[in-house]
Amino acid sequence: MKIKEKEFEDILQELKDLAAQLGAEVRFEKGDFKGGYCLLKDSKVIVINKMANLQRKVIILSFALKELGIDKIYLTPKTREIIEEMSETK
């Protein structure tokens, strides 16, 4: 699937909304790391390097959502395809 650069902002917002639906907080932090999913005092947190480009942020968030378990919730076919494709890119 070919995604245009300007579509990544909408996709990122959709994935952030999905993370919230799954009970995970998405945080954009500055530092020397790529990002990913972790548990912090019983809270689900997805940390993403805020210096990464939009495509990299979508890839990291997709991979983290897959780790959280998206198999049992409804996603539009396009969203599911994006998550599958992007999480394989990591």
PDB file of N, CA and C in Angstrom:
ATOM      1  N   MET A   1       0.845  -1.180   0.000  1.00  0.00           N
ATOM      2  CA  MET A   1       0.000   0.000   0.000  1.00  0.00           C
ATOM      3  C   MET A   1       0.889   1.241   0.000  1.00  0.00           C
ATOM      4  N   LYS A   2       0.624   2.115  -0.907  1.00  0.00           N
ATOM      5  CA  LYS A   2       1.383   3.359  -1.022  1.00  0.00           C
ATOM      6  C   LYS A   2       0.635   4.448  -0.256  1.00  0.00           C
ATOM      7  N   ILE A   3       1.312   5.051   0.685  1.00  0.00           N
ATOM      8  CA  ILE A   3       0.699   6.098   1.500  1.00  0.00           C
ATOM      9  C   ILE A   3       1.407   7.412   1.194  1.00  0.00           C
ATOM     10  N   LYS A   4       0.611   8.428   0.921  1.00  0.00           N
ATOM     11  CA  LYS A   4       1.168   9.751   0.651  1.00  0.00           C
ATOM     12  C   LYS A   4       1.602  10.400   1.957  1.00  0.00           C
ATOM     13  N   GLU A   5       2.624  11.226   1.867  1.00  0.00           N
ATOM     14  CA  GLU A   5       3.194  11.861   3.055  1.00  0.00           C
ATOM     15  C   GLU A   5       2.140  12.625   3.865  1.00  0.00           C
ATOM     16  N   LYS A   6       1.245  13.326   3.178  1.00  0.00           N
ATOM     17  CA  LYS A   6       0.251  14.129   3.894  1.00  0.00           C
ATOM     18  C   LYS A   6      -0.794  13.266   4.606  1.00  0.00           C
ATOM     19  N   GLU A   7      -0.928  11.994   4.232  1.00  0.00           N
ATOM     20  CA  GLU A   7      -1.876  11.092   4.884  1.00  0.00           C
ATOM     21  C   GLU A   7      -1.370  10.593   6.235  1.00  0.00           C
ATOM     22  N   PHE A   8      -0.061  10.664   6.459  1.00  0.00           N
ATOM     23  CA  PHE A   8       0.511  10.125   7.694  1.00  0.00           C
ATOM     24  C   PHE A   8      -0.012  10.834   8.939  1.00  0.00           C
ATOM     25  N   GLU A   9      -0.308  12.139   8.853  1.00  0.00           N
ATOM     26  CA  GLU A   9      -0.847  12.853  10.019  1.00  0.00           C
ATOM     27  C   GLU A   9      -2.204  12.290  10.424  1.00  0.00           C
ATOM     28  N   ASP A  10      -3.077  12.054   9.443  1.00  0.00           N
ATOM     29  CA  ASP A  10      -4.398  11.485   9.734  1.00  0.00           C
ATOM     30  C   ASP A  10      -4.269  10.073  10.289  1.00  0.00           C
ATOM     31  N   ILE A  11      -3.364   9.296   9.707  1.00  0.00           N
ATOM     32  CA  ILE A  11      -3.160   7.920  10.164  1.00  0.00           C
ATOM     33  C   ILE A  11      -2.630   7.925  11.592  1.00  0.00           C
ATOM     34  N   LEU A  12      -1.669   8.808  11.881  1.00  0.00           N
ATOM     35  CA  LEU A  12      -1.106   8.899  13.225  1.00  0.00           C
ATOM     36  C   LEU A  12      -2.194   9.235  14.239  1.00  0.00           C
ATOM     37  N   GLN A  13      -3.065  10.166  13.907  1.00  0.00           N
ATOM     38  CA  GLN A  13      -4.154  10.530  14.821  1.00  0.00           C
ATOM     39  C   GLN A  13      -5.105   9.352  15.030  1.00  0.00           C
ATOM     40  N   GLU A  14      -5.419   8.643  13.960  1.00  0.00           N
ATOM     41  CA  GLU A  14      -6.300   7.478  14.063  1.00  0.00           C
ATOM     42  C   GLU A  14      -5.671   6.399  14.958  1.00  0.00           C
ATOM     43  N   LEU A  15      -4.378   6.183  14.817  1.00  0.00           N
ATOM     44  CA  LEU A  15      -3.695   5.181  15.642  1.00  0.00           C
ATOM     45  C   LEU A  15      -3.607   5.633  17.096  1.00  0.00           C
ATOM     46  N   LYS A  16      -3.428   6.929  17.331  1.00  0.00           N
ATOM     47  CA  LYS A  16      -3.428   7.439  18.705  1.00  0.00           C
ATOM     48  C   LYS A  16      -4.795   7.233  19.350  1.00  0.00           C
ATOM     49  N   ASP A  17      -5.864   7.462  18.599  1.00  0.00           N
ATOM     50  CA  ASP A  17      -7.217   7.236  19.101  1.00  0.00           C
ATOM     51  C   ASP A  17      -7.432   5.763  19.428  1.00  0.00           C
ATOM     52  N   LEU A  18      -6.908   4.898  18.576  1.00  0.00           N
ATOM     53  CA  LEU A  18      -7.019   3.459  18.794  1.00  0.00           C
ATOM     54  C   LEU A  18      -6.271   3.048  20.056  1.00  0.00           C
ATOM     55  N   ALA A  19      -5.096   3.618  20.270  1.00  0.00           N
ATOM     56  CA  ALA A  19      -4.324   3.324  21.478  1.00  0.00           C
ATOM     57  C   ALA A  19      -5.113   3.729  22.727  1.00  0.00           C
ATOM     58  N   ALA A  20      -5.748   4.894  22.681  1.00  0.00           N
ATOM     59  CA  ALA A  20      -6.564   5.347  23.811  1.00  0.00           C
ATOM     60  C   ALA A  20      -7.719   4.387  24.059  1.00  0.00           C
ATOM     61  N   GLN A  21      -8.315   3.903  22.987  1.00  0.00           N
ATOM     62  CA  GLN A  21      -9.414   2.934  23.095  1.00  0.00           C
ATOM     63  C   GLN A  21      -8.931   1.645  23.774  1.00  0.00           C
ATOM     64  N   LEU A  22      -7.676   1.293  23.555  1.00  0.00           N
ATOM     65  CA  LEU A  22      -7.096   0.101  24.172  1.00  0.00           C
ATOM     66  C   LEU A  22      -6.532   0.372  25.564  1.00  0.00           C
ATOM     67  N   GLY A  23      -6.671   1.610  26.027  1.00  0.00           N
ATOM     68  CA  GLY A  23      -6.224   1.957  27.370  1.00  0.00           C
ATOM     69  C   GLY A  23      -4.753   2.291  27.473  1.00  0.00           C
ATOM     70  N   ALA A  24      -4.135   2.667  26.369  1.00  0.00           N
ATOM     71  CA  ALA A  24      -2.711   3.005  26.368  1.00  0.00           C
ATOM     72  C   ALA A  24      -2.525   4.500  26.148  1.00  0.00           C
ATOM     73  N   GLU A  25      -1.582   5.054  26.864  1.00  0.00           N
ATOM     74  CA  GLU A  25      -1.229   6.462  26.704  1.00  0.00           C
ATOM     75  C   GLU A  25      -0.092   6.554  25.681  1.00  0.00           C
ATOM     76  N   VAL A  26      -0.223   7.454  24.719  1.00  0.00           N
ATOM     77  CA  VAL A  26       0.832   7.677  23.734  1.00  0.00           C
ATOM     78  C   VAL A  26       1.563   8.947  24.124  1.00  0.00           C
ATOM     79  N   ARG A  27       2.886   8.807  24.306  1.00  0.00           N
ATOM     80  CA  ARG A  27       3.702   9.952  24.693  1.00  0.00           C
ATOM     81  C   ARG A  27       4.801  10.176  23.668  1.00  0.00           C
ATOM     82  N   PHE A  28       5.008  11.428  23.311  1.00  0.00           N
ATOM     83  CA  PHE A  28       6.083  11.807  22.400  1.00  0.00           C
ATOM     84  C   PHE A  28       7.150  12.497  23.240  1.00  0.00           C
ATOM     85  N   GLU A  29       8.300  11.859  23.329  1.00  0.00           N
ATOM     86  CA  GLU A  29       9.383  12.361  24.171  1.00  0.00           C
ATOM     87  C   GLU A  29      10.650  12.566  23.349  1.00  0.00           C
ATOM     88  N   LYS A  30      11.523  13.391  23.844  1.00  0.00           N
ATOM     89  CA  LYS A  30      12.792  13.666  23.183  1.00  0.00           C
ATOM     90  C   LYS A  30      13.874  12.809  23.846  1.00  0.00           C
ATOM     91  N   GLY A  31      14.722  12.192  23.042  1.00  0.00           N
ATOM     92  CA  GLY A  31      15.795  11.387  23.609  1.00  0.00           C
ATOM     93  C   GLY A  31      16.469  10.534  22.556  1.00  0.00           C
ATOM     94  N   ASP A  32      17.363   9.694  23.015  1.00  0.00           N
ATOM     95  CA  ASP A  32      18.133   8.820  22.133  1.00  0.00           C
ATOM     96  C   ASP A  32      17.515   7.419  22.137  1.00  0.00           C
ATOM     97  N   PHE A  33      16.334   7.288  21.558  1.00  0.00           N
ATOM     98  CA  PHE A  33      15.623   6.017  21.492  1.00  0.00           C
ATOM     99  C   PHE A  33      14.674   6.047  20.310  1.00  0.00           C
ATOM    100  N   LYS A  34      14.201   4.875  19.910  1.00  0.00           N
ATOM    101  CA  LYS A  34      13.234   4.797  18.813  1.00  0.00           C
ATOM    102  C   LYS A  34      11.814   4.870  19.349  1.00  0.00           C
ATOM    103  N   GLY A  35      11.535   4.053  20.353  1.00  0.00           N
ATOM    104  CA  GLY A  35      10.210   4.049  20.944  1.00  0.00           C
ATOM    105  C   GLY A  35       9.619   2.669  20.977  1.00  0.00           C
ATOM    106  N   GLY A  36       8.454   2.565  21.619  1.00  0.00           N
ATOM    107  CA  GLY A  36       7.763   1.292  21.706  1.00  0.00           C
ATOM    108  C   GLY A  36       6.794   1.256  22.862  1.00  0.00           C
ATOM    109  N   TYR A  37       6.285   0.052  23.125  1.00  0.00           N
ATOM    110  CA  TYR A  37       5.263  -0.172  24.137  1.00  0.00           C
ATOM    111  C   TYR A  37       5.914  -0.660  25.422  1.00  0.00           C
ATOM    112  N   CYS A  38       5.433  -0.167  26.562  1.00  0.00           N
ATOM    113  CA  CYS A  38       5.927  -0.656  27.846  1.00  0.00           C
ATOM    114  C   CYS A  38       4.839  -0.497  28.899  1.00  0.00           C
ATOM    115  N   LEU A  39       5.049  -1.169  30.028  1.00  0.00           N
ATOM    116  CA  LEU A  39       4.167  -1.012  31.180  1.00  0.00           C
ATOM    117  C   LEU A  39       4.898  -0.161  32.206  1.00  0.00           C
ATOM    118  N   LEU A  40       4.211   0.840  32.716  1.00  0.00           N
ATOM    119  CA  LEU A  40       4.802   1.730  33.693  1.00  0.00           C
ATOM    120  C   LEU A  40       3.848   1.816  34.874  1.00  0.00           C
ATOM    121  N   LYS A  41       4.175   1.115  35.960  1.00  0.00           N
ATOM    122  CA  LYS A  41       3.318   1.066  37.144  1.00  0.00           C
ATOM    123  C   LYS A  41       1.875   0.713  36.763  1.00  0.00           C
ATOM    124  N   ASP A  42       1.694  -0.388  36.094  1.00  0.00           N
ATOM    125  CA  ASP A  42       0.394  -0.905  35.671  1.00  0.00           C
ATOM    126  C   ASP A  42      -0.308  -0.055  34.619  1.00  0.00           C
ATOM    127  N   SER A  43       0.366   0.916  34.058  1.00  0.00           N
ATOM    128  CA  SER A  43      -0.204   1.728  32.983  1.00  0.00           C
ATOM    129  C   SER A  43       0.444   1.342  31.663  1.00  0.00           C
ATOM    130  N   LYS A  44      -0.372   1.224  30.626  1.00  0.00           N
ATOM    131  CA  LYS A  44       0.144   0.938  29.289  1.00  0.00           C
ATOM    132  C   LYS A  44       0.602   2.253  28.678  1.00  0.00           C
ATOM    133  N   VAL A  45       1.856   2.291  28.258  1.00  0.00           N
ATOM    134  CA  VAL A  45       2.421   3.511  27.696  1.00  0.00           C
ATOM    135  C   VAL A  45       3.141   3.167  26.394  1.00  0.00           C
ATOM    136  N   ILE A  46       2.898   3.978  25.390  1.00  0.00           N
ATOM    137  CA  ILE A  46       3.631   3.876  24.130  1.00  0.00           C
ATOM    138  C   ILE A  46       4.434   5.163  24.005  1.00  0.00           C
ATOM    139  N   VAL A  47       5.755   5.004  24.004  1.00  0.00           N
ATOM    140  CA  VAL A  47       6.639   6.164  23.935  1.00  0.00           C
ATOM    141  C   VAL A  47       7.232   6.222  22.533  1.00  0.00           C
ATOM    142  N   ILE A  48       7.158   7.388  21.931  1.00  0.00           N
ATOM    143  CA  ILE A  48       7.661   7.593  20.575  1.00  0.00           C
ATOM    144  C   ILE A  48       8.589   8.801  20.594  1.00  0.00           C
ATOM    145  N   ASN A  49       9.717   8.671  19.919  1.00  0.00           N
ATOM    146  CA  ASN A  49      10.660   9.784  19.831  1.00  0.00           C
ATOM    147  C   ASN A  49      10.021  10.896  19.007  1.00  0.00           C
ATOM    148  N   LYS A  50       9.866  12.052  19.636  1.00  0.00           N
ATOM    149  CA  LYS A  50       9.182  13.147  18.940  1.00  0.00           C
ATOM    150  C   LYS A  50      10.015  13.749  17.817  1.00  0.00           C
ATOM    151  N   MET A  51      11.298  13.384  17.743  1.00  0.00           N
ATOM    152  CA  MET A  51      12.155  13.877  16.673  1.00  0.00           C
ATOM    153  C   MET A  51      12.067  12.992  15.417  1.00  0.00           C
ATOM    154  N   ALA A  52      11.391  11.856  15.525  1.00  0.00           N
ATOM    155  CA  ALA A  52      11.248  10.951  14.378  1.00  0.00           C
ATOM    156  C   ALA A  52      10.310  11.578  13.346  1.00  0.00           C
ATOM    157  N   ASN A  53      10.471  11.173  12.086  1.00  0.00           N
ATOM    158  CA  ASN A  53       9.559  11.687  11.057  1.00  0.00           C
ATOM    159  C   ASN A  53       8.192  11.003  11.190  1.00  0.00           C
ATOM    160  N   LEU A  54       7.198  11.524  10.506  1.00  0.00           N
ATOM    161  CA  LEU A  54       5.825  11.009  10.629  1.00  0.00           C
ATOM    162  C   LEU A  54       5.732   9.524  10.293  1.00  0.00           C
ATOM    163  N   GLN A  55       6.395   9.110   9.222  1.00  0.00           N
ATOM    164  CA  GLN A  55       6.318   7.700   8.834  1.00  0.00           C
ATOM    165  C   GLN A  55       6.886   6.812   9.931  1.00  0.00           C
ATOM    166  N   ARG A  56       8.001   7.199  10.523  1.00  0.00           N
ATOM    167  CA  ARG A  56       8.619   6.410  11.597  1.00  0.00           C
ATOM    168  C   ARG A  56       7.690   6.352  12.816  1.00  0.00           C
ATOM    169  N   LYS A  57       7.023   7.448  13.129  1.00  0.00           N
ATOM    170  CA  LYS A  57       6.080   7.467  14.251  1.00  0.00           C
ATOM    171  C   LYS A  57       4.936   6.485  14.010  1.00  0.00           C
ATOM    172  N   VAL A  58       4.423   6.457  12.782  1.00  0.00           N
ATOM    173  CA  VAL A  58       3.340   5.529  12.432  1.00  0.00           C
ATOM    174  C   VAL A  58       3.828   4.088  12.533  1.00  0.00           C
ATOM    175  N   ILE A  59       5.050   3.822  12.087  1.00  0.00           N
ATOM    176  CA  ILE A  59       5.609   2.468  12.158  1.00  0.00           C
ATOM    177  C   ILE A  59       5.724   2.018  13.612  1.00  0.00           C
ATOM    178  N   ILE A  60       6.278   2.858  14.466  1.00  0.00           N
ATOM    179  CA  ILE A  60       6.460   2.507  15.876  1.00  0.00           C
ATOM    180  C   ILE A  60       5.115   2.302  16.559  1.00  0.00           C
ATOM    181  N   LEU A  61       4.179   3.192  16.301  1.00  0.00           N
ATOM    182  CA  LEU A  61       2.854   3.081  16.909  1.00  0.00           C
ATOM    183  C   LEU A  61       2.122   1.844  16.405  1.00  0.00           C
ATOM    184  N   SER A  62       2.244   1.520  15.141  1.00  0.00           N
ATOM    185  CA  SER A  62       1.620   0.315  14.580  1.00  0.00           C
ATOM    186  C   SER A  62       2.166  -0.938  15.247  1.00  0.00           C
ATOM    187  N   PHE A  63       3.481  -0.993  15.399  1.00  0.00           N
ATOM    188  CA  PHE A  63       4.116  -2.144  16.033  1.00  0.00           C
ATOM    189  C   PHE A  63       3.648  -2.283  17.483  1.00  0.00           C
ATOM    190  N   ALA A  64       3.576  -1.167  18.199  1.00  0.00           N
ATOM    191  CA  ALA A  64       3.142  -1.186  19.599  1.00  0.00           C
ATOM    192  C   ALA A  64       1.681  -1.625  19.717  1.00  0.00           C
ATOM    193  N   LEU A  65       0.831  -1.152  18.822  1.00  0.00           N
ATOM    194  CA  LEU A  65      -0.578  -1.542  18.851  1.00  0.00           C
ATOM    195  C   LEU A  65      -0.726  -3.039  18.590  1.00  0.00           C
ATOM    196  N   LYS A  66       0.086  -3.558  17.691  1.00  0.00           N
ATOM    197  CA  LYS A  66       0.045  -4.989  17.418  1.00  0.00           C
ATOM    198  C   LYS A  66       0.436  -5.774  18.670  1.00  0.00           C
ATOM    199  N   GLU A  67       1.423  -5.273  19.422  1.00  0.00           N
ATOM    200  CA  GLU A  67       1.825  -5.908  20.681  1.00  0.00           C
ATOM    201  C   GLU A  67       0.698  -5.858  21.712  1.00  0.00           C
ATOM    202  N   LEU A  68      -0.065  -4.776  21.710  1.00  0.00           N
ATOM    203  CA  LEU A  68      -1.179  -4.633  22.649  1.00  0.00           C
ATOM    204  C   LEU A  68      -2.304  -5.610  22.345  1.00  0.00           C
ATOM    205  N   GLY A  69      -2.426  -6.007  21.087  1.00  0.00           N
ATOM    206  CA  GLY A  69      -3.465  -6.960  20.711  1.00  0.00           C
ATOM    207  C   GLY A  69      -4.666  -6.299  20.079  1.00  0.00           C
ATOM    208  N   ILE A  70      -4.651  -6.219  18.768  1.00  0.00           N
ATOM    209  CA  ILE A  70      -5.750  -5.586  18.040  1.00  0.00           C
ATOM    210  C   ILE A  70      -6.624  -6.618  17.329  1.00  0.00           C
ATOM    211  N   ASP A  71      -6.316  -7.901  17.549  1.00  0.00           N
ATOM    212  CA  ASP A  71      -7.010  -8.953  16.818  1.00  0.00           C
ATOM    213  C   ASP A  71      -8.495  -9.058  17.158  1.00  0.00           C
ATOM    214  N   LYS A  72      -8.861  -8.699  18.377  1.00  0.00           N
ATOM    215  CA  LYS A  72     -10.236  -8.909  18.813  1.00  0.00           C
ATOM    216  C   LYS A  72     -11.100  -7.653  18.795  1.00  0.00           C
ATOM    217  N   ILE A  73     -10.587  -6.574  18.209  1.00  0.00           N
ATOM    218  CA  ILE A  73     -11.402  -5.364  18.107  1.00  0.00           C
ATOM    219  C   ILE A  73     -11.638  -5.044  16.642  1.00  0.00           C
ATOM    220  N   TYR A  74     -12.727  -4.332  16.389  1.00  0.00           N
ATOM    221  CA  TYR A  74     -13.051  -3.981  15.010  1.00  0.00           C
ATOM    222  C   TYR A  74     -12.184  -2.818  14.548  1.00  0.00           C
ATOM    223  N   LEU A  75     -11.575  -3.009  13.397  1.00  0.00           N
ATOM    224  CA  LEU A  75     -10.842  -1.950  12.710  1.00  0.00           C
ATOM    225  C   LEU A  75     -11.295  -1.947  11.266  1.00  0.00           C
ATOM    226  N   THR A  76     -11.285  -0.783  10.660  1.00  0.00           N
ATOM    227  CA  THR A  76     -11.605  -0.753   9.235  1.00  0.00           C
ATOM    228  C   THR A  76     -10.532  -1.553   8.501  1.00  0.00           C
ATOM    229  N   PRO A  77     -10.891  -2.160   7.384  1.00  0.00           N
ATOM    230  CA  PRO A  77      -9.882  -2.937   6.644  1.00  0.00           C
ATOM    231  C   PRO A  77      -8.635  -2.117   6.301  1.00  0.00           C
ATOM    232  N   LYS A  78      -8.818  -0.838   5.976  1.00  0.00           N
ATOM    233  CA  LYS A  78      -7.670   0.009   5.635  1.00  0.00           C
ATOM    234  C   LYS A  78      -6.761   0.197   6.848  1.00  0.00           C
ATOM    235  N   THR A  79      -7.340   0.458   8.017  1.00  0.00           N
ATOM    236  CA  THR A  79      -6.546   0.644   9.228  1.00  0.00           C
ATOM    237  C   THR A  79      -5.796  -0.632   9.579  1.00  0.00           C
ATOM    238  N   ARG A  80      -6.474  -1.763   9.494  1.00  0.00           N
ATOM    239  CA  ARG A  80      -5.832  -3.045   9.791  1.00  0.00           C
ATOM    240  C   ARG A  80      -4.672  -3.298   8.825  1.00  0.00           C
ATOM    241  N   GLU A  81      -4.878  -2.988   7.562  1.00  0.00           N
ATOM    242  CA  GLU A  81      -3.832  -3.179   6.559  1.00  0.00           C
ATOM    243  C   GLU A  81      -2.629  -2.276   6.844  1.00  0.00           C
ATOM    244  N   ILE A  82      -2.896  -1.034   7.218  1.00  0.00           N
ATOM    245  CA  ILE A  82      -1.820  -0.101   7.548  1.00  0.00           C
ATOM    246  C   ILE A  82      -1.012  -0.628   8.731  1.00  0.00           C
ATOM    247  N   ILE A  83      -1.699  -1.060   9.792  1.00  0.00           N
ATOM    248  CA  ILE A  83      -1.002  -1.572  10.974  1.00  0.00           C
ATOM    249  C   ILE A  83      -0.176  -2.800  10.622  1.00  0.00           C
ATOM    250  N   GLU A  84      -0.754  -3.720   9.868  1.00  0.00           N
ATOM    251  CA  GLU A  84      -0.023  -4.930   9.478  1.00  0.00           C
ATOM    252  C   GLU A  84       1.217  -4.581   8.666  1.00  0.00           C
ATOM    253  N   GLU A  85       1.036  -3.730   7.676  1.00  0.00           N
ATOM    254  CA  GLU A  85       2.146  -3.379   6.786  1.00  0.00           C
ATOM    255  C   GLU A  85       3.223  -2.578   7.511  1.00  0.00           C
ATOM    256  N   MET A  86       2.825  -1.608   8.289  1.00  0.00           N
ATOM    257  CA  MET A  86       3.789  -0.759   8.978  1.00  0.00           C
ATOM    258  C   MET A  86       4.535  -1.509  10.078  1.00  0.00           C
ATOM    259  N   SER A  87       3.850  -2.398  10.789  1.00  0.00           N
ATOM    260  CA  SER A  87       4.513  -3.118  11.865  1.00  0.00           C
ATOM    261  C   SER A  87       5.556  -4.105  11.333  1.00  0.00           C
ATOM    262  N   GLU A  88       5.422  -4.520  10.087  1.00  0.00           N
ATOM    263  CA  GLU A  88       6.414  -5.393   9.483  1.00  0.00           C
ATOM    264  C   GLU A  88       7.642  -4.620   9.031  1.00  0.00           C
ATOM    265  N   THR A  89       7.522  -3.304   8.913  1.00  0.00           N
ATOM    266  CA  THR A  89       8.619  -2.454   8.451  1.00  0.00           C
ATOM    267  C   THR A  89       9.669  -2.249   9.526  1.00  0.00           C
ATOM    268  N   LYS A  90       9.265  -2.349  10.792  1.00  0.00           N
ATOM    269  CA  LYS A  90      10.164  -2.059  11.908  1.00  0.00           C
ATOM    270  C   LYS A  90      11.378  -2.930  11.820  1.00  0.00           C
TER     271      LYS A  90
END
